[in-house]
Amino acid sequence: MADKGKKGKAAAPEPEAAPPPEDPKPEDKKGQEPKKKEKSVQPQDEVGTRKGCRRYKWELKDSNKEFWVMGHAEVKILSLGCLIAAMVMFTGTTVHPLLTLIITMELSVFCFFFIIYTFAINRYMPFILWPISDLLNDLSAFIFLMGAIVIAVKSRSSMPTHYFIAVILIGMAGLFALIDICLQRNHFKGKKVKRNVLLPPPPREPKAEKPKEPEKAEEKPPEKAEEKAKNKRKGGKK
């Protein structure tokens, strides 16, 4: 039996263990590193999909560009300078309390709009119509400053030099506010008011009904085997 086992076929050799996977080369590792996300290309004239700091930088740049190029900033700075100079001129003389009230009120309003446009705060509050609000502010400033001139002239019988210069400066501030009103009109050029906005939409047309298909004739059920057999018997008897 032992000889027969020796003469038999030799046992199949055991499969060799697979060699361990080689470590990738350092060059391959570098190639496998995740690539950095490239910034999406954004339009220069619109916000696009910018978010966070990128959006604020764009809004800040665009707001200041519009504010300074269209002349609003320069006009507001001149108005502020005239009102501050008028307040300084009024310090050495007796002044009607309404004059100081009107000048301080207009100074605060001009500073408010200057800060709003400089730091692009208006871009994050779209529910306020800023061009219209600024236009109304300039109109009210012009009216209040013209009223201040009338009060300043009527409240004094004689006007010293400093008082007279202050009144002229108030009038110049009102004139700059009027110029700003003319500049605000550029925002409304080329924009048409939409008509029939509040009208209801037209009624929908009824859908055309499809023609009904003719009904197919009902198929008679097949005769039963018994009835066929009866018919055959009757035919045979005849």
C-alpha atoms as a PDB file:
ATOM      1  CA  MET A   1       0.000   0.000   0.000  1.00  0.00           C
ATOM      2  CA  ALA A   2       2.867   2.335   0.828  1.00  0.00           C
ATOM      3  CA  ASP A   3       4.442   1.570  -2.584  1.00  0.00           C
ATOM      4  CA  LYS A   4       1.169   2.325  -4.309  1.00  0.00           C
ATOM      5  CA  GLY A   5       0.976   5.654  -2.486  1.00  0.00           C
ATOM      6  CA  LYS A   6       4.518   6.467  -3.600  1.00  0.00           C
ATOM      7  CA  LYS A   7       3.763   5.490  -7.192  1.00  0.00           C
ATOM      8  CA  GLY A   8       0.632   7.665  -7.249  1.00  0.00           C
ATOM      9  CA  LYS A   9       0.669  11.168  -8.430  1.00  0.00           C
ATOM     10  CA  ALA A  10       2.611  13.595  -6.330  1.00  0.00           C
ATOM     11  CA  ALA A  11       0.479  15.883  -4.233  1.00  0.00           C
ATOM     12  CA  ALA A  12      -0.114  19.320  -5.746  1.00  0.00           C
ATOM     13  CA  PRO A  13       2.233  21.926  -4.270  1.00  0.00           C
ATOM     14  CA  GLU A  14       0.630  24.429  -1.901  1.00  0.00           C
ATOM     15  CA  PRO A  15       0.078  27.881  -3.465  1.00  0.00           C
ATOM     16  CA  GLU A  16       2.674  30.370  -2.395  1.00  0.00           C
ATOM     17  CA  ALA A  17       1.510  33.315  -0.325  1.00  0.00           C
ATOM     18  CA  ALA A  18       0.984  36.512  -2.363  1.00  0.00           C
ATOM     19  CA  PRO A  19       3.747  39.054  -1.795  1.00  0.00           C
ATOM     20  CA  PRO A  20       2.716  42.060   0.344  1.00  0.00           C
ATOM     21  CA  PRO A  21       1.664  45.128  -1.681  1.00  0.00           C
ATOM     22  CA  GLU A  22       4.495  47.487  -2.263  1.00  0.00           C
ATOM     23  CA  ASP A  23       4.262  50.926  -0.764  1.00  0.00           C
ATOM     24  CA  PRO A  24       3.438  53.536  -3.403  1.00  0.00           C
ATOM     25  CA  LYS A  25       6.271  55.693  -4.406  1.00  0.00           C
ATOM     26  CA  PRO A  26       6.442  59.178  -2.923  1.00  0.00           C
ATOM     27  CA  GLU A  27       5.767  60.592  -6.359  1.00  0.00           C
ATOM     28  CA  ASP A  28       2.512  58.586  -6.523  1.00  0.00           C
ATOM     29  CA  LYS A  29       1.512  59.875  -3.080  1.00  0.00           C
ATOM     30  CA  LYS A  30       1.957  63.423  -4.231  1.00  0.00           C
ATOM     31  CA  GLY A  31      -0.249  62.724  -7.196  1.00  0.00           C
ATOM     32  CA  GLN A  32      -2.936  61.206  -4.935  1.00  0.00           C
ATOM     33  CA  GLU A  33      -3.173  64.261  -2.667  1.00  0.00           C
ATOM     34  CA  PRO A  34      -6.576  66.009  -2.938  1.00  0.00           C
ATOM     35  CA  LYS A  35      -6.445  69.017  -5.178  1.00  0.00           C
ATOM     36  CA  LYS A  36      -7.407  72.364  -3.752  1.00  0.00           C
ATOM     37  CA  LYS A  37     -10.784  73.664  -4.816  1.00  0.00           C
ATOM     38  CA  GLU A  38     -10.407  76.351  -7.400  1.00  0.00           C
ATOM     39  CA  LYS A  39     -12.423  79.529  -6.885  1.00  0.00           C
ATOM     40  CA  SER A  40     -15.335  79.826  -9.271  1.00  0.00           C
ATOM     41  CA  VAL A  41     -15.089  82.623 -11.792  1.00  0.00           C
ATOM     42  CA  GLN A  42     -17.487  85.420 -10.814  1.00  0.00           C
ATOM     43  CA  PRO A  43     -18.829  88.285 -12.955  1.00  0.00           C
ATOM     44  CA  GLN A  44     -17.316  91.695 -12.258  1.00  0.00           C
ATOM     45  CA  ASP A  45     -20.542  93.681 -12.705  1.00  0.00           C
ATOM     46  CA  GLU A  46     -22.728  91.512 -10.431  1.00  0.00           C
ATOM     47  CA  VAL A  47     -22.513  89.850  -7.028  1.00  0.00           C
ATOM     48  CA  GLY A  48     -22.916  86.393  -8.541  1.00  0.00           C
ATOM     49  CA  THR A  49     -22.637  83.597  -5.984  1.00  0.00           C
ATOM     50  CA  ARG A  50     -20.178  85.340  -3.695  1.00  0.00           C
ATOM     51  CA  LYS A  51     -20.711  84.777   0.009  1.00  0.00           C
ATOM     52  CA  GLY A  52     -19.247  86.001   3.280  1.00  0.00           C
ATOM     53  CA  CYS A  53     -16.162  88.201   3.095  1.00  0.00           C
ATOM     54  CA  ARG A  54     -15.921  87.887  -0.688  1.00  0.00           C
ATOM     55  CA  ARG A  55     -19.397  89.324  -1.073  1.00  0.00           C
ATOM     56  CA  TYR A  56     -18.752  92.163   1.419  1.00  0.00           C
ATOM     57  CA  LYS A  57     -15.526  93.152  -0.344  1.00  0.00           C
ATOM     58  CA  TRP A  58     -17.324  93.314  -3.669  1.00  0.00           C
ATOM     59  CA  GLU A  59     -20.283  95.229  -2.185  1.00  0.00           C
ATOM     60  CA  LEU A  60     -17.941  97.682  -0.430  1.00  0.00           C
ATOM     61  CA  LYS A  61     -15.991  98.360  -3.603  1.00  0.00           C
ATOM     62  CA  ASP A  62     -19.074  98.701  -5.802  1.00  0.00           C
ATOM     63  CA  SER A  63     -20.968 100.890  -3.311  1.00  0.00           C
ATOM     64  CA  ASN A  64     -18.066 103.324  -2.892  1.00  0.00           C
ATOM     65  CA  LYS A  65     -17.479 103.407  -6.632  1.00  0.00           C
ATOM     66  CA  GLU A  66     -21.101 104.348  -7.278  1.00  0.00           C
ATOM     67  CA  PHE A  67     -21.170 106.791  -4.331  1.00  0.00           C
ATOM     68  CA  TRP A  68     -18.059 108.714  -5.374  1.00  0.00           C
ATOM     69  CA  VAL A  69     -18.245 108.497  -9.177  1.00  0.00           C
ATOM     70  CA  MET A  70     -21.834 109.774  -9.392  1.00  0.00           C
ATOM     71  CA  GLY A  71     -20.944 112.784  -7.214  1.00  0.00           C
ATOM     72  CA  HIS A  72     -23.077 112.057  -4.139  1.00  0.00           C
ATOM     73  CA  ALA A  73     -20.099 111.838  -1.785  1.00  0.00           C
ATOM     74  CA  GLU A  74     -18.568 115.133  -2.896  1.00  0.00           C
ATOM     75  CA  VAL A  75     -21.878 117.008  -2.562  1.00  0.00           C
ATOM     76  CA  LYS A  76     -22.547 115.585   0.902  1.00  0.00           C
ATOM     77  CA  ILE A  77     -19.024 116.458   2.076  1.00  0.00           C
ATOM     78  CA  LEU A  78     -19.485 120.061   0.887  1.00  0.00           C
ATOM     79  CA  SER A  79     -22.833 120.283   2.671  1.00  0.00           C
ATOM     80  CA  LEU A  80     -21.285 118.923   5.875  1.00  0.00           C
ATOM     81  CA  GLY A  81     -18.398 121.394   5.624  1.00  0.00           C
ATOM     82  CA  CYS A  82     -20.752 124.360   5.162  1.00  0.00           C
ATOM     83  CA  LEU A  83     -22.940 123.366   8.122  1.00  0.00           C
ATOM     84  CA  ILE A  84     -19.962 122.773  10.427  1.00  0.00           C
ATOM     85  CA  ALA A  85     -18.488 126.147   9.435  1.00  0.00           C
ATOM     86  CA  ALA A  86     -21.863 127.818  10.097  1.00  0.00           C
ATOM     87  CA  MET A  87     -21.981 126.270  13.576  1.00  0.00           C
ATOM     88  CA  VAL A  88     -18.504 127.618  14.281  1.00  0.00           C
ATOM     89  CA  MET A  89     -19.512 131.104  13.113  1.00  0.00           C
ATOM     90  CA  PHE A  90     -22.571 131.093  15.368  1.00  0.00           C
ATOM     91  CA  THR A  91     -20.565 130.367  18.523  1.00  0.00           C
ATOM     92  CA  GLY A  92     -19.685 134.002  19.289  1.00  0.00           C
ATOM     93  CA  THR A  93     -23.201 135.438  18.777  1.00  0.00           C
ATOM     94  CA  THR A  94     -26.691 134.934  20.128  1.00  0.00           C
ATOM     95  CA  VAL A  95     -28.634 132.605  17.842  1.00  0.00           C
ATOM     96  CA  HIS A  96     -32.256 131.509  17.667  1.00  0.00           C
ATOM     97  CA  PRO A  97     -32.550 127.975  19.142  1.00  0.00           C
ATOM     98  CA  LEU A  98     -34.287 126.700  16.000  1.00  0.00           C
ATOM     99  CA  LEU A  99     -31.160 127.488  13.965  1.00  0.00           C
ATOM    100  CA  THR A 100     -28.923 125.250  16.057  1.00  0.00           C
ATOM    101  CA  LEU A 101     -31.626 122.560  16.067  1.00  0.00           C
ATOM    102  CA  ILE A 102     -31.960 122.550  12.270  1.00  0.00           C
ATOM    103  CA  ILE A 103     -28.189 122.576  11.671  1.00  0.00           C
ATOM    104  CA  THR A 104     -27.477 119.724  14.118  1.00  0.00           C
ATOM    105  CA  MET A 105     -30.375 117.694  12.690  1.00  0.00           C
ATOM    106  CA  GLU A 106     -29.132 118.053   9.107  1.00  0.00           C
ATOM    107  CA  LEU A 107     -25.564 117.293  10.172  1.00  0.00           C
ATOM    108  CA  SER A 108     -26.659 114.024  11.787  1.00  0.00           C
ATOM    109  CA  VAL A 109     -28.764 112.996   8.756  1.00  0.00           C
ATOM    110  CA  PHE A 110     -25.958 113.734   6.274  1.00  0.00           C
ATOM    111  CA  CYS A 111     -23.494 111.765   8.419  1.00  0.00           C
ATOM    112  CA  PHE A 112     -25.946 108.857   8.607  1.00  0.00           C
ATOM    113  CA  PHE A 113     -26.247 108.563   4.812  1.00  0.00           C
ATOM    114  CA  PHE A 114     -22.499 109.017   4.360  1.00  0.00           C
ATOM    115  CA  ILE A 115     -21.779 106.087   6.703  1.00  0.00           C
ATOM    116  CA  ILE A 116     -24.505 103.922   5.113  1.00  0.00           C
ATOM    117  CA  TYR A 117     -23.066 104.309   1.602  1.00  0.00           C
ATOM    118  CA  THR A 118     -19.390 104.195   2.619  1.00  0.00           C
ATOM    119  CA  PHE A 119     -19.664 100.855   4.470  1.00  0.00           C
ATOM    120  CA  ALA A 120     -22.168  99.342   1.973  1.00  0.00           C
ATOM    121  CA  ILE A 121     -24.810  98.815   4.666  1.00  0.00           C
ATOM    122  CA  ASN A 122     -27.526  99.714   2.171  1.00  0.00           C
ATOM    123  CA  ARG A 123     -26.660  96.600   0.111  1.00  0.00           C
ATOM    124  CA  TYR A 124     -27.773  94.361   2.997  1.00  0.00           C
ATOM    125  CA  MET A 125     -31.125  96.149   3.478  1.00  0.00           C
ATOM    126  CA  PRO A 126     -32.818  95.854   0.077  1.00  0.00           C
ATOM    127  CA  PHE A 127     -36.297  96.328   1.586  1.00  0.00           C
ATOM    128  CA  ILE A 128     -35.551 100.100   1.803  1.00  0.00           C
ATOM    129  CA  LEU A 129     -35.586 102.087  -1.433  1.00  0.00           C
ATOM    130  CA  TRP A 130     -32.363 103.985  -0.775  1.00  0.00           C
ATOM    131  CA  PRO A 131     -32.357 106.287  -3.845  1.00  0.00           C
ATOM    132  CA  ILE A 132     -35.877 107.481  -3.006  1.00  0.00           C
ATOM    133  CA  SER A 133     -35.096 107.886   0.701  1.00  0.00           C
ATOM    134  CA  ASP A 134     -31.946 109.880  -0.118  1.00  0.00           C
ATOM    135  CA  LEU A 135     -33.894 112.030  -2.593  1.00  0.00           C
ATOM    136  CA  LEU A 136     -36.560 112.783   0.047  1.00  0.00           C
ATOM    137  CA  ASN A 137     -33.835 113.578   2.570  1.00  0.00           C
ATOM    138  CA  ASP A 138     -32.210 116.082   0.178  1.00  0.00           C
ATOM    139  CA  LEU A 139     -35.568 117.682  -0.527  1.00  0.00           C
ATOM    140  CA  SER A 140     -36.393 118.026   3.178  1.00  0.00           C
ATOM    141  CA  ALA A 141     -32.869 119.331   3.891  1.00  0.00           C
ATOM    142  CA  PHE A 142     -33.279 122.023   1.234  1.00  0.00           C
ATOM    143  CA  ILE A 143     -36.640 123.111   2.700  1.00  0.00           C
ATOM    144  CA  PHE A 144     -35.367 123.112   6.309  1.00  0.00           C
ATOM    145  CA  LEU A 145     -32.206 125.052   5.453  1.00  0.00           C
ATOM    146  CA  MET A 146     -34.155 127.670   3.486  1.00  0.00           C
ATOM    147  CA  GLY A 147     -36.437 127.982   6.512  1.00  0.00           C
ATOM    148  CA  ALA A 148     -33.365 128.394   8.728  1.00  0.00           C
ATOM    149  CA  ILE A 149     -32.209 131.312   6.574  1.00  0.00           C
ATOM    150  CA  VAL A 150     -35.611 133.006   6.946  1.00  0.00           C
ATOM    151  CA  ILE A 151     -35.510 132.512  10.744  1.00  0.00           C
ATOM    152  CA  ALA A 152     -31.928 133.824  10.940  1.00  0.00           C
ATOM    153  CA  VAL A 153     -32.791 136.990   8.976  1.00  0.00           C
ATOM    154  CA  LYS A 154     -36.026 137.754  10.850  1.00  0.00           C
ATOM    155  CA  SER A 155     -34.651 137.050  14.345  1.00  0.00           C
ATOM    156  CA  ARG A 156     -31.946 139.745  14.086  1.00  0.00           C
ATOM    157  CA  SER A 157     -32.350 143.413  13.212  1.00  0.00           C
ATOM    158  CA  SER A 158     -28.604 143.840  12.652  1.00  0.00           C
ATOM    159  CA  MET A 159     -26.279 141.077  11.453  1.00  0.00           C
ATOM    160  CA  PRO A 160     -22.585 141.100  12.316  1.00  0.00           C
ATOM    161  CA  THR A 161     -20.041 139.777   9.836  1.00  0.00           C
ATOM    162  CA  HIS A 162     -19.728 136.282  11.353  1.00  0.00           C
ATOM    163  CA  TYR A 163     -23.513 135.933  11.519  1.00  0.00           C
ATOM    164  CA  PHE A 164     -23.910 137.004   7.892  1.00  0.00           C
ATOM    165  CA  ILE A 165     -21.236 134.540   6.708  1.00  0.00           C
ATOM    166  CA  ALA A 166     -22.950 131.743   8.652  1.00  0.00           C
ATOM    167  CA  VAL A 167     -26.270 132.508   6.940  1.00  0.00           C
ATOM    168  CA  ILE A 168     -24.547 132.374   3.532  1.00  0.00           C
ATOM    169  CA  LEU A 169     -22.990 129.007   4.418  1.00  0.00           C
ATOM    170  CA  ILE A 170     -26.414 127.627   5.365  1.00  0.00           C
ATOM    171  CA  GLY A 171     -27.729 128.750   1.979  1.00  0.00           C
ATOM    172  CA  MET A 172     -24.789 127.035   0.222  1.00  0.00           C
ATOM    173  CA  ALA A 173     -25.516 123.790   2.106  1.00  0.00           C
ATOM    174  CA  GLY A 174     -29.129 123.952   0.915  1.00  0.00           C
ATOM    175  CA  LEU A 175     -27.919 124.570  -2.640  1.00  0.00           C
ATOM    176  CA  PHE A 176     -25.692 121.459  -2.508  1.00  0.00           C
ATOM    177  CA  ALA A 177     -28.675 119.440  -1.280  1.00  0.00           C
ATOM    178  CA  LEU A 178     -30.611 120.668  -4.318  1.00  0.00           C
ATOM    179  CA  ILE A 179     -27.735 119.584  -6.594  1.00  0.00           C
ATOM    180  CA  ASP A 180     -27.816 116.141  -4.980  1.00  0.00           C
ATOM    181  CA  ILE A 181     -31.522 115.890  -5.885  1.00  0.00           C
ATOM    182  CA  CYS A 182     -30.580 116.394  -9.533  1.00  0.00           C
ATOM    183  CA  LEU A 183     -27.911 113.693  -9.231  1.00  0.00           C
ATOM    184  CA  GLN A 184     -30.397 111.259  -7.700  1.00  0.00           C
ATOM    185  CA  ARG A 185     -32.464 111.425 -10.898  1.00  0.00           C
ATOM    186  CA  ASN A 186     -29.778 109.375 -12.676  1.00  0.00           C
ATOM    187  CA  HIS A 187     -30.920 106.326 -10.688  1.00  0.00           C
ATOM    188  CA  PHE A 188     -34.368 106.463 -12.265  1.00  0.00           C
ATOM    189  CA  LYS A 189     -33.353 106.941 -15.896  1.00  0.00           C
ATOM    190  CA  GLY A 190     -34.280 104.041 -18.169  1.00  0.00           C
ATOM    191  CA  LYS A 191     -36.603 102.519 -15.565  1.00  0.00           C
ATOM    192  CA  LYS A 192     -40.277 102.328 -16.510  1.00  0.00           C
ATOM    193  CA  VAL A 193     -43.119 101.842 -14.092  1.00  0.00           C
ATOM    194  CA  LYS A 194     -44.848  98.514 -14.619  1.00  0.00           C
ATOM    195  CA  ARG A 195     -48.495  98.985 -15.489  1.00  0.00           C
ATOM    196  CA  ASN A 196     -51.409  96.692 -14.680  1.00  0.00           C
ATOM    197  CA  VAL A 197     -49.436  95.135 -11.846  1.00  0.00           C
ATOM    198  CA  LEU A 198     -52.439  94.873  -9.527  1.00  0.00           C
ATOM    199  CA  LEU A 199     -54.827  93.489 -12.160  1.00  0.00           C
ATOM    200  CA  PRO A 200     -55.721  89.794 -11.824  1.00  0.00           C
ATOM    201  CA  PRO A 201     -54.304  87.424 -14.428  1.00  0.00           C
ATOM    202  CA  PRO A 202     -56.536  86.576 -17.432  1.00  0.00           C
ATOM    203  CA  PRO A 203     -58.710  83.444 -17.077  1.00  0.00           C
ATOM    204  CA  ARG A 204     -57.347  80.257 -18.479  1.00  0.00           C
ATOM    205  CA  GLU A 205     -58.859  78.891 -21.673  1.00  0.00           C
ATOM    206  CA  PRO A 206     -60.781  75.607 -21.234  1.00  0.00           C
ATOM    207  CA  LYS A 207     -58.922  72.619 -22.512  1.00  0.00           C
ATOM    208  CA  ALA A 208     -60.284  71.084 -25.751  1.00  0.00           C
ATOM    209  CA  GLU A 209     -61.986  67.773 -25.042  1.00  0.00           C
ATOM    210  CA  LYS A 210     -60.764  64.819 -27.006  1.00  0.00           C
ATOM    211  CA  PRO A 211     -63.389  63.141 -29.268  1.00  0.00           C
ATOM    212  CA  LYS A 212     -64.746  59.976 -27.776  1.00  0.00           C
ATOM    213  CA  GLU A 213     -63.865  56.780 -29.574  1.00  0.00           C
ATOM    214  CA  PRO A 214     -66.817  54.756 -30.906  1.00  0.00           C
ATOM    215  CA  GLU A 215     -67.754  51.933 -28.628  1.00  0.00           C
ATOM    216  CA  LYS A 216     -66.883  48.536 -29.968  1.00  0.00           C
ATOM    217  CA  ALA A 217     -69.647  46.026 -30.463  1.00  0.00           C
ATOM    218  CA  GLU A 218     -69.910  43.657 -27.594  1.00  0.00           C
ATOM    219  CA  GLU A 219     -68.549  40.301 -28.487  1.00  0.00           C
ATOM    220  CA  LYS A 220     -70.952  37.447 -27.897  1.00  0.00           C
ATOM    221  CA  PRO A 221     -69.720  34.876 -25.450  1.00  0.00           C
ATOM    222  CA  PRO A 222     -68.857  31.542 -27.020  1.00  0.00           C
ATOM    223  CA  GLU A 223     -71.637  28.990 -26.942  1.00  0.00           C
ATOM    224  CA  LYS A 224     -71.325  26.306 -24.440  1.00  0.00           C
ATOM    225  CA  ALA A 225     -70.593  22.732 -25.442  1.00  0.00           C
ATOM    226  CA  GLU A 226     -73.993  21.548 -24.233  1.00  0.00           C
ATOM    227  CA  GLU A 227     -75.888  23.983 -26.456  1.00  0.00           C
ATOM    228  CA  LYS A 228     -73.858  22.859 -29.460  1.00  0.00           C
ATOM    229  CA  ALA A 229     -74.665  19.233 -28.728  1.00  0.00           C
ATOM    230  CA  LYS A 230     -78.412  19.982 -28.507  1.00  0.00           C
ATOM    231  CA  ASN A 231     -78.329  21.807 -31.817  1.00  0.00           C
ATOM    232  CA  LYS A 232     -76.635  18.787 -33.448  1.00  0.00           C
ATOM    233  CA  ARG A 233     -79.292  16.403 -32.064  1.00  0.00           C
ATOM    234  CA  LYS A 234     -82.120  18.558 -33.332  1.00  0.00           C
ATOM    235  CA  GLY A 235     -80.532  18.687 -36.739  1.00  0.00           C
ATOM    236  CA  GLY A 236     -80.192  14.871 -36.779  1.00  0.00           C
ATOM    237  CA  LYS A 237     -83.862  14.268 -35.897  1.00  0.00           C
ATOM    238  CA  LYS A 238     -84.988  16.444 -38.804  1.00  0.00           C
END
